[in-house]
Protein backbone atom coordinates (compact mmCIF):
# COMPACT_ATOMS: atom_id res chain seq x y z
CA MET A 1 0.00 0.00 0.00
CA GLU A 2 1.18 3.49 -0.84
CA GLN A 3 0.23 6.95 0.30
CA VAL A 4 -1.34 9.69 -1.81
CA LEU A 5 0.54 12.98 -1.59
CA ILE A 6 -1.11 16.20 -2.79
CA LYS A 7 1.33 19.13 -2.95
CA LYS A 8 0.26 22.75 -3.47
CA VAL A 9 -2.47 21.79 -5.95
CA GLU A 10 -4.47 24.53 -7.67
CA LYS A 11 -7.22 24.23 -10.28
CA THR A 12 -8.27 27.21 -12.38
CA PHE A 13 -10.67 27.11 -15.31
CA GLU A 14 -10.18 29.59 -18.14
CA ASN A 15 -12.94 31.05 -20.30
CA LYS A 16 -11.01 32.35 -23.31
CA GLU A 17 -14.07 33.88 -24.99
CA LYS A 18 -14.96 36.01 -21.97
CA LYS A 19 -11.31 36.39 -20.96
CA GLN A 20 -12.18 35.27 -17.47
CA SER A 21 -10.79 32.68 -15.10
CA PHE A 22 -12.29 30.89 -12.11
CA THR A 23 -10.17 29.30 -9.40
CA VAL A 24 -11.91 26.26 -7.94
CA PHE A 25 -9.31 25.77 -5.21
CA ASP A 26 -5.71 26.66 -4.50
CA ASP A 27 -2.83 25.50 -2.30
CA ILE A 28 -4.28 22.08 -1.45
CA ASN A 29 -1.77 20.12 0.64
CA LEU A 30 -2.87 16.71 1.87
CA THR A 31 -1.51 13.25 2.59
CA VAL A 32 -3.79 10.21 2.43
CA ASN A 33 -2.25 7.42 4.47
CA PRO A 34 -2.05 3.80 3.26
CA GLY A 35 -5.20 1.88 4.17
CA GLU A 36 -7.01 5.03 5.29
CA PHE A 37 -10.66 5.85 4.63
CA LEU A 38 -10.65 9.60 3.96
CA SER A 39 -13.67 11.67 2.98
CA LEU A 40 -13.70 14.97 1.10
CA LEU A 41 -16.74 16.81 2.43
CA GLY A 42 -18.14 20.12 1.32
CA PRO A 43 -20.95 21.99 -0.41
CA SER A 44 -21.57 21.89 -4.14
CA GLY A 45 -18.95 23.83 -6.08
CA CYS A 46 -16.12 23.52 -3.55
CA GLY A 47 -14.04 21.34 -5.90
CA LYS A 48 -14.12 18.00 -4.09
CA SER A 49 -14.99 16.03 -7.26
CA THR A 50 -12.44 18.03 -9.25
CA LEU A 51 -9.75 17.12 -6.71
CA LEU A 52 -10.77 13.46 -6.91
CA ASN A 53 -10.53 13.59 -10.72
CA ILE A 54 -7.02 15.03 -10.46
CA ILE A 55 -6.01 12.14 -8.17
CA ALA A 56 -7.59 9.75 -10.68
CA GLY A 57 -5.67 11.36 -13.55
CA LEU A 58 -8.92 12.28 -15.32
CA ASP A 59 -8.14 15.99 -14.93
CA GLN A 60 -4.94 18.01 -14.61
CA ALA A 61 -4.03 20.47 -11.88
CA THR A 62 -3.21 24.01 -13.01
CA ASN A 63 -0.37 24.04 -10.50
CA GLY A 64 1.00 21.56 -8.00
CA GLU A 65 1.59 17.82 -8.03
CA VAL A 66 -0.11 14.58 -6.97
CA TYR A 67 1.84 11.41 -6.19
CA VAL A 68 0.82 7.83 -5.49
CA GLY A 69 3.88 6.53 -3.71
CA GLU A 70 6.74 7.97 -5.77
CA LYS A 71 4.71 8.06 -9.00
CA LEU A 72 3.72 11.51 -10.31
CA ILE A 73 0.11 11.32 -11.48
CA LYS A 74 -0.66 12.74 -14.92
CA THR A 75 -2.99 10.15 -16.45
CA PRO A 76 -5.40 7.40 -15.30
CA GLY A 77 -3.84 4.13 -14.21
CA SER A 78 -4.74 0.68 -12.91
CA ASP A 79 -3.37 1.63 -9.49
CA ARG A 80 -6.47 3.85 -9.02
CA GLY A 81 -10.01 2.53 -9.34
CA VAL A 82 -12.90 4.99 -9.68
CA VAL A 83 -16.56 4.58 -8.69
CA PHE A 84 -18.83 7.38 -9.94
CA GLN A 85 -22.28 8.49 -8.81
CA GLU A 86 -23.79 6.70 -11.80
CA ALA A 87 -22.81 3.06 -12.15
CA ALA A 88 -22.28 3.39 -15.94
CA LEU A 89 -22.73 -0.32 -16.65
CA MET A 90 -22.95 -1.61 -20.21
CA PRO A 91 -26.62 -2.60 -20.59
CA TRP A 92 -26.00 -5.32 -23.19
CA MET A 93 -23.64 -7.17 -20.86
CA SER A 94 -24.56 -9.32 -17.88
CA VAL A 95 -23.33 -8.45 -14.39
CA ILE A 96 -20.37 -10.80 -14.58
CA GLU A 97 -19.49 -9.63 -18.10
CA ASN A 98 -19.43 -6.02 -16.86
CA VAL A 99 -16.99 -6.96 -14.11
CA MET A 100 -14.90 -9.07 -16.51
CA PHE A 101 -14.70 -6.42 -19.23
CA ALA A 102 -11.41 -4.73 -18.24
CA LEU A 103 -9.96 -7.99 -16.89
CA ARG A 104 -10.05 -9.57 -20.35
CA LYS A 105 -7.15 -7.33 -21.39
CA LYS A 106 -4.79 -9.06 -18.99
CA MET A 107 -6.37 -12.48 -18.31
CA LYS A 108 -7.78 -15.39 -20.24
CA LYS A 109 -11.56 -15.67 -20.24
CA GLU A 110 -11.90 -18.40 -17.61
CA GLU A 111 -9.37 -16.76 -15.29
CA ALA A 112 -11.16 -13.42 -15.64
CA LYS A 113 -14.48 -15.10 -14.90
CA GLU A 114 -13.22 -16.69 -11.68
CA HIS A 115 -11.66 -13.38 -10.64
CA ALA A 116 -14.94 -11.55 -11.29
CA LYS A 117 -16.87 -14.13 -9.26
CA LYS A 118 -14.59 -13.47 -6.29
CA TYR A 119 -15.50 -9.78 -6.22
CA LEU A 120 -19.18 -10.32 -6.91
CA LYS A 121 -19.18 -12.57 -3.87
CA LEU A 122 -17.48 -9.80 -1.87
CA VAL A 123 -20.34 -7.39 -2.71
CA HIS A 124 -22.96 -10.14 -2.18
CA LEU A 125 -24.13 -10.37 -5.78
CA SER A 126 -23.17 -13.94 -6.69
CA LYS A 127 -26.81 -14.88 -7.28
CA PHE A 128 -27.19 -12.06 -9.82
CA MET A 129 -24.07 -12.61 -11.91
CA ASN A 130 -26.10 -13.59 -14.99
CA SER A 131 -28.63 -10.76 -14.61
CA TYR A 132 -28.57 -7.62 -16.74
CA PRO A 133 -28.35 -4.02 -15.45
CA HIS A 134 -32.02 -3.26 -16.18
CA GLU A 135 -32.98 -6.09 -13.84
CA LEU A 136 -31.08 -4.57 -10.88
CA SER A 137 -31.97 -1.93 -8.30
CA GLY A 138 -29.91 1.26 -8.05
CA GLY A 139 -28.03 -0.06 -5.04
CA MET A 140 -27.23 -3.34 -6.78
CA LYS A 141 -25.89 -1.48 -9.82
CA GLN A 142 -23.54 0.48 -7.57
CA ARG A 143 -22.33 -2.76 -5.98
CA VAL A 144 -21.52 -4.07 -9.47
CA SER A 145 -19.61 -0.85 -10.13
CA ILE A 146 -17.64 -1.32 -6.91
CA ALA A 147 -16.90 -4.95 -7.77
CA ARG A 148 -15.69 -3.89 -11.23
CA ALA A 149 -13.32 -1.31 -9.71
CA LEU A 150 -12.02 -3.74 -7.08
CA ALA A 151 -11.48 -6.53 -9.62
CA MET A 152 -8.63 -4.50 -11.13
CA ASP A 153 -6.94 -4.64 -7.71
CA PRO A 154 -6.18 -0.91 -7.47
CA LYS A 155 -4.04 0.47 -4.66
CA ILE A 156 -6.44 3.39 -4.24
CA LEU A 157 -10.25 3.30 -4.54
CA LEU A 158 -11.72 6.70 -5.45
CA MET A 159 -15.46 7.11 -4.88
CA ASP A 160 -17.29 10.20 -6.17
CA GLU A 161 -20.61 10.53 -4.33
CA PRO A 162 -21.46 6.92 -5.20
CA PHE A 163 -24.65 6.87 -3.12
CA GLY A 164 -25.89 10.40 -3.82
CA ALA A 165 -28.77 9.31 -6.04
CA LEU A 166 -30.00 6.51 -3.76
CA ASP A 167 -32.78 6.49 -1.18
CA GLU A 168 -31.80 6.65 2.48
CA GLN A 169 -32.52 2.98 3.23
CA THR A 170 -30.37 1.76 0.33
CA ARG A 171 -27.63 4.24 1.21
CA SER A 172 -27.54 2.96 4.80
CA MET A 173 -27.21 -0.62 3.56
CA LEU A 174 -24.37 0.34 1.23
CA HIS A 175 -22.56 2.12 4.05
CA ARG A 176 -22.32 -1.26 5.77
CA GLU A 177 -21.21 -2.90 2.52
CA VAL A 178 -18.44 -0.37 1.91
CA GLN A 179 -17.16 -0.65 5.48
CA TYR A 180 -17.07 -4.43 5.11
CA ILE A 181 -15.21 -4.20 1.79
CA TRP A 182 -12.74 -1.70 3.24
CA GLU A 183 -12.04 -3.93 6.24
CA GLU A 184 -11.67 -7.02 4.02
CA THR A 185 -9.46 -5.51 1.30
CA LYS A 186 -7.47 -2.95 3.34
CA LYS A 187 -7.71 -0.58 0.37
CA THR A 188 -7.00 3.13 0.66
CA ILE A 189 -10.31 4.89 -0.03
CA VAL A 190 -10.88 8.55 -0.93
CA PHE A 191 -14.61 9.22 -0.73
CA VAL A 192 -16.41 12.37 -1.95
CA THR A 193 -19.68 13.35 -0.29
CA HIS A 194 -21.75 16.38 0.71
CA ASN A 195 -23.56 14.34 3.38
CA ILE A 196 -22.15 15.07 6.85
CA ARG A 197 -23.62 12.00 8.47
CA GLU A 198 -22.28 9.74 5.73
CA ALA A 199 -18.77 11.16 6.15
CA ILE A 200 -18.79 10.61 9.91
CA MET A 201 -20.20 7.10 9.58
CA LEU A 202 -17.48 5.92 7.18
CA SER A 203 -14.29 7.90 7.66
CA ASP A 204 -11.03 7.76 9.55
CA ARG A 205 -10.55 11.42 8.64
CA ILE A 206 -12.80 14.09 7.15
CA VAL A 207 -11.38 16.91 5.05
CA LEU A 208 -13.75 19.88 5.11
CA MET A 209 -13.53 21.99 1.97
CA GLY A 210 -14.77 25.55 1.59
CA THR A 211 -15.73 27.60 -1.44
CA ARG A 212 -14.70 30.54 -3.62
CA PRO A 213 -11.92 29.70 -3.99
CA GLY A 214 -12.11 26.31 -2.38
CA GLY A 215 -9.55 25.00 0.02
CA ILE A 216 -9.19 22.88 3.12
CA ARG A 217 -10.98 24.55 6.01
CA LYS A 218 -10.41 21.87 8.63
CA ILE A 219 -9.40 18.22 8.98
CA TYR A 220 -11.10 16.03 11.57
CA ASP A 221 -9.77 12.74 12.95
CA VAL A 222 -12.86 10.58 13.51
CA THR A 223 -12.03 8.54 16.60
CA ILE A 224 -15.57 7.30 17.30
CA PRO A 225 -15.43 3.49 17.66
CA ARG A 226 -17.01 1.39 14.91
CA PRO A 227 -19.79 0.45 14.39
CA ARG A 228 -20.91 4.06 14.82
CA VAL A 229 -24.30 5.10 16.16
CA ILE A 230 -25.71 8.37 14.81
CA THR A 231 -27.40 9.18 18.12
CA SER A 232 -24.26 8.83 20.23
CA PRO A 233 -23.08 12.07 21.93
CA GLU A 234 -19.71 11.91 20.10
CA PHE A 235 -21.40 11.54 16.72
CA VAL A 236 -23.88 14.35 17.35
CA LYS A 237 -21.17 16.73 18.58
CA LEU A 238 -18.96 16.15 15.53
CA GLU A 239 -21.96 16.58 13.24
CA GLU A 240 -22.76 19.93 14.87
CA ASP A 241 -19.14 21.09 14.64
CA ILE A 242 -18.96 20.30 10.93
CA MET A 243 -22.32 21.92 10.25
CA SER A 244 -21.24 25.13 11.96
CA ILE A 245 -18.31 25.49 9.52
CA LEU A 246 -19.98 24.38 6.30
CA GLY A 247 -23.18 26.25 7.06
CA GLY A 248 -21.17 29.45 7.03
CA GLU A 249 -19.56 28.50 3.72
CA ILE A 250 -22.93 27.94 2.06
CA GLU A 251 -24.37 31.16 3.46
CA LYS A 252 -21.39 33.02 1.98
CA VAL A 253 -22.12 31.58 -1.47
CA MET A 254 -25.84 32.32 -1.19
CA ARG A 255 -25.20 35.91 -0.14
CA GLU A 256 -22.96 36.41 -3.18
CA GLU A 257 -25.51 34.91 -5.55
CA MET A 258 -28.71 36.37 -4.06
CA GLY A 259 -27.50 39.75 -2.85
CA ASP A 260 -30.40 41.67 -1.31
CA ASP A 261 -32.74 38.71 -1.90
CA PHE A 262 -30.91 36.62 0.72
CA ASN A 263 -32.82 36.25 3.99
CA SER A 264 -32.99 33.99 7.03
CA LYS A 265 -35.95 32.04 5.65
CA LYS A 266 -33.92 30.98 2.64
CA ALA A 267 -30.95 30.24 4.90
CA SER A 268 -33.11 27.72 6.76
CA LEU A 269 -33.31 25.69 3.54
CA LEU A 270 -29.55 25.05 3.48
CA TYR A 271 -29.85 21.58 4.94
CA GLY A 272 -31.72 18.54 3.72
CA THR A 273 -33.29 15.95 5.96
CA ASN A 274 -29.99 14.15 6.55
CA ASN A 275 -27.57 17.07 6.66
CA ASN A 276 -26.84 17.07 2.95
CA MET A 277 -25.07 20.39 2.56
CA GLY A 278 -26.88 22.57 0.03
CA ASP A 279 -29.51 19.99 -0.95
CA ASN A 280 -32.09 22.70 -1.47
CA ILE A 281 -29.96 25.18 -3.42
């Protein structure tokens, strides 16, 4: 296992037609330890998904560097697996064929099939290996996506709001699944979310990101023993601490966008039912 090192990373988008630039974040310095479950938490627009894409090699930093071990990251690689919010399965392929797809480039068919079965068993989908994506629930599709990423045996698993589109009951079930997978595989996981409760439930550390331009506002070590109970005093206190920081960040954005139209009634809509930051914006 190797650490992820993020050194003085900045991301700026240029609009050449309007001759304008927009800095998403600047001077991001962060180390993700081997085997750690780290969450990037923040409101929409703070750059958490952009930072994840830079780690994945799907996007390039304007300035700064990202390393996995001693390797400078410029492009995607098999050492980093990515799970997106949408499962993006190929509908004409069965579950096991979806998991096998990338494996076929480096394994014979039967070897790839046995390897895929191993990871479908890990996500408890062995009985559905011959099903097709349209026959699966949203949560099951995401489990296939996780199995597909794990089957490549990446050193780092990058997850970009993988449960954001799911109902609360399914999300809670997948929290348990991901914790089980993390404990079984010992993978390093970087997890993007705007759900405070989700971040506390899963993480060893939470990186709070602010907006305009984004950056790291605070890093929390989550020392609450697992399995975590959302009603425990430690959980509730951490949730309130995080909300006090991110609530201010969202209010700042809303004041900039709404100007004189901003009022306390609209501010009360900042939080969804489960502390999703900015759900109602």
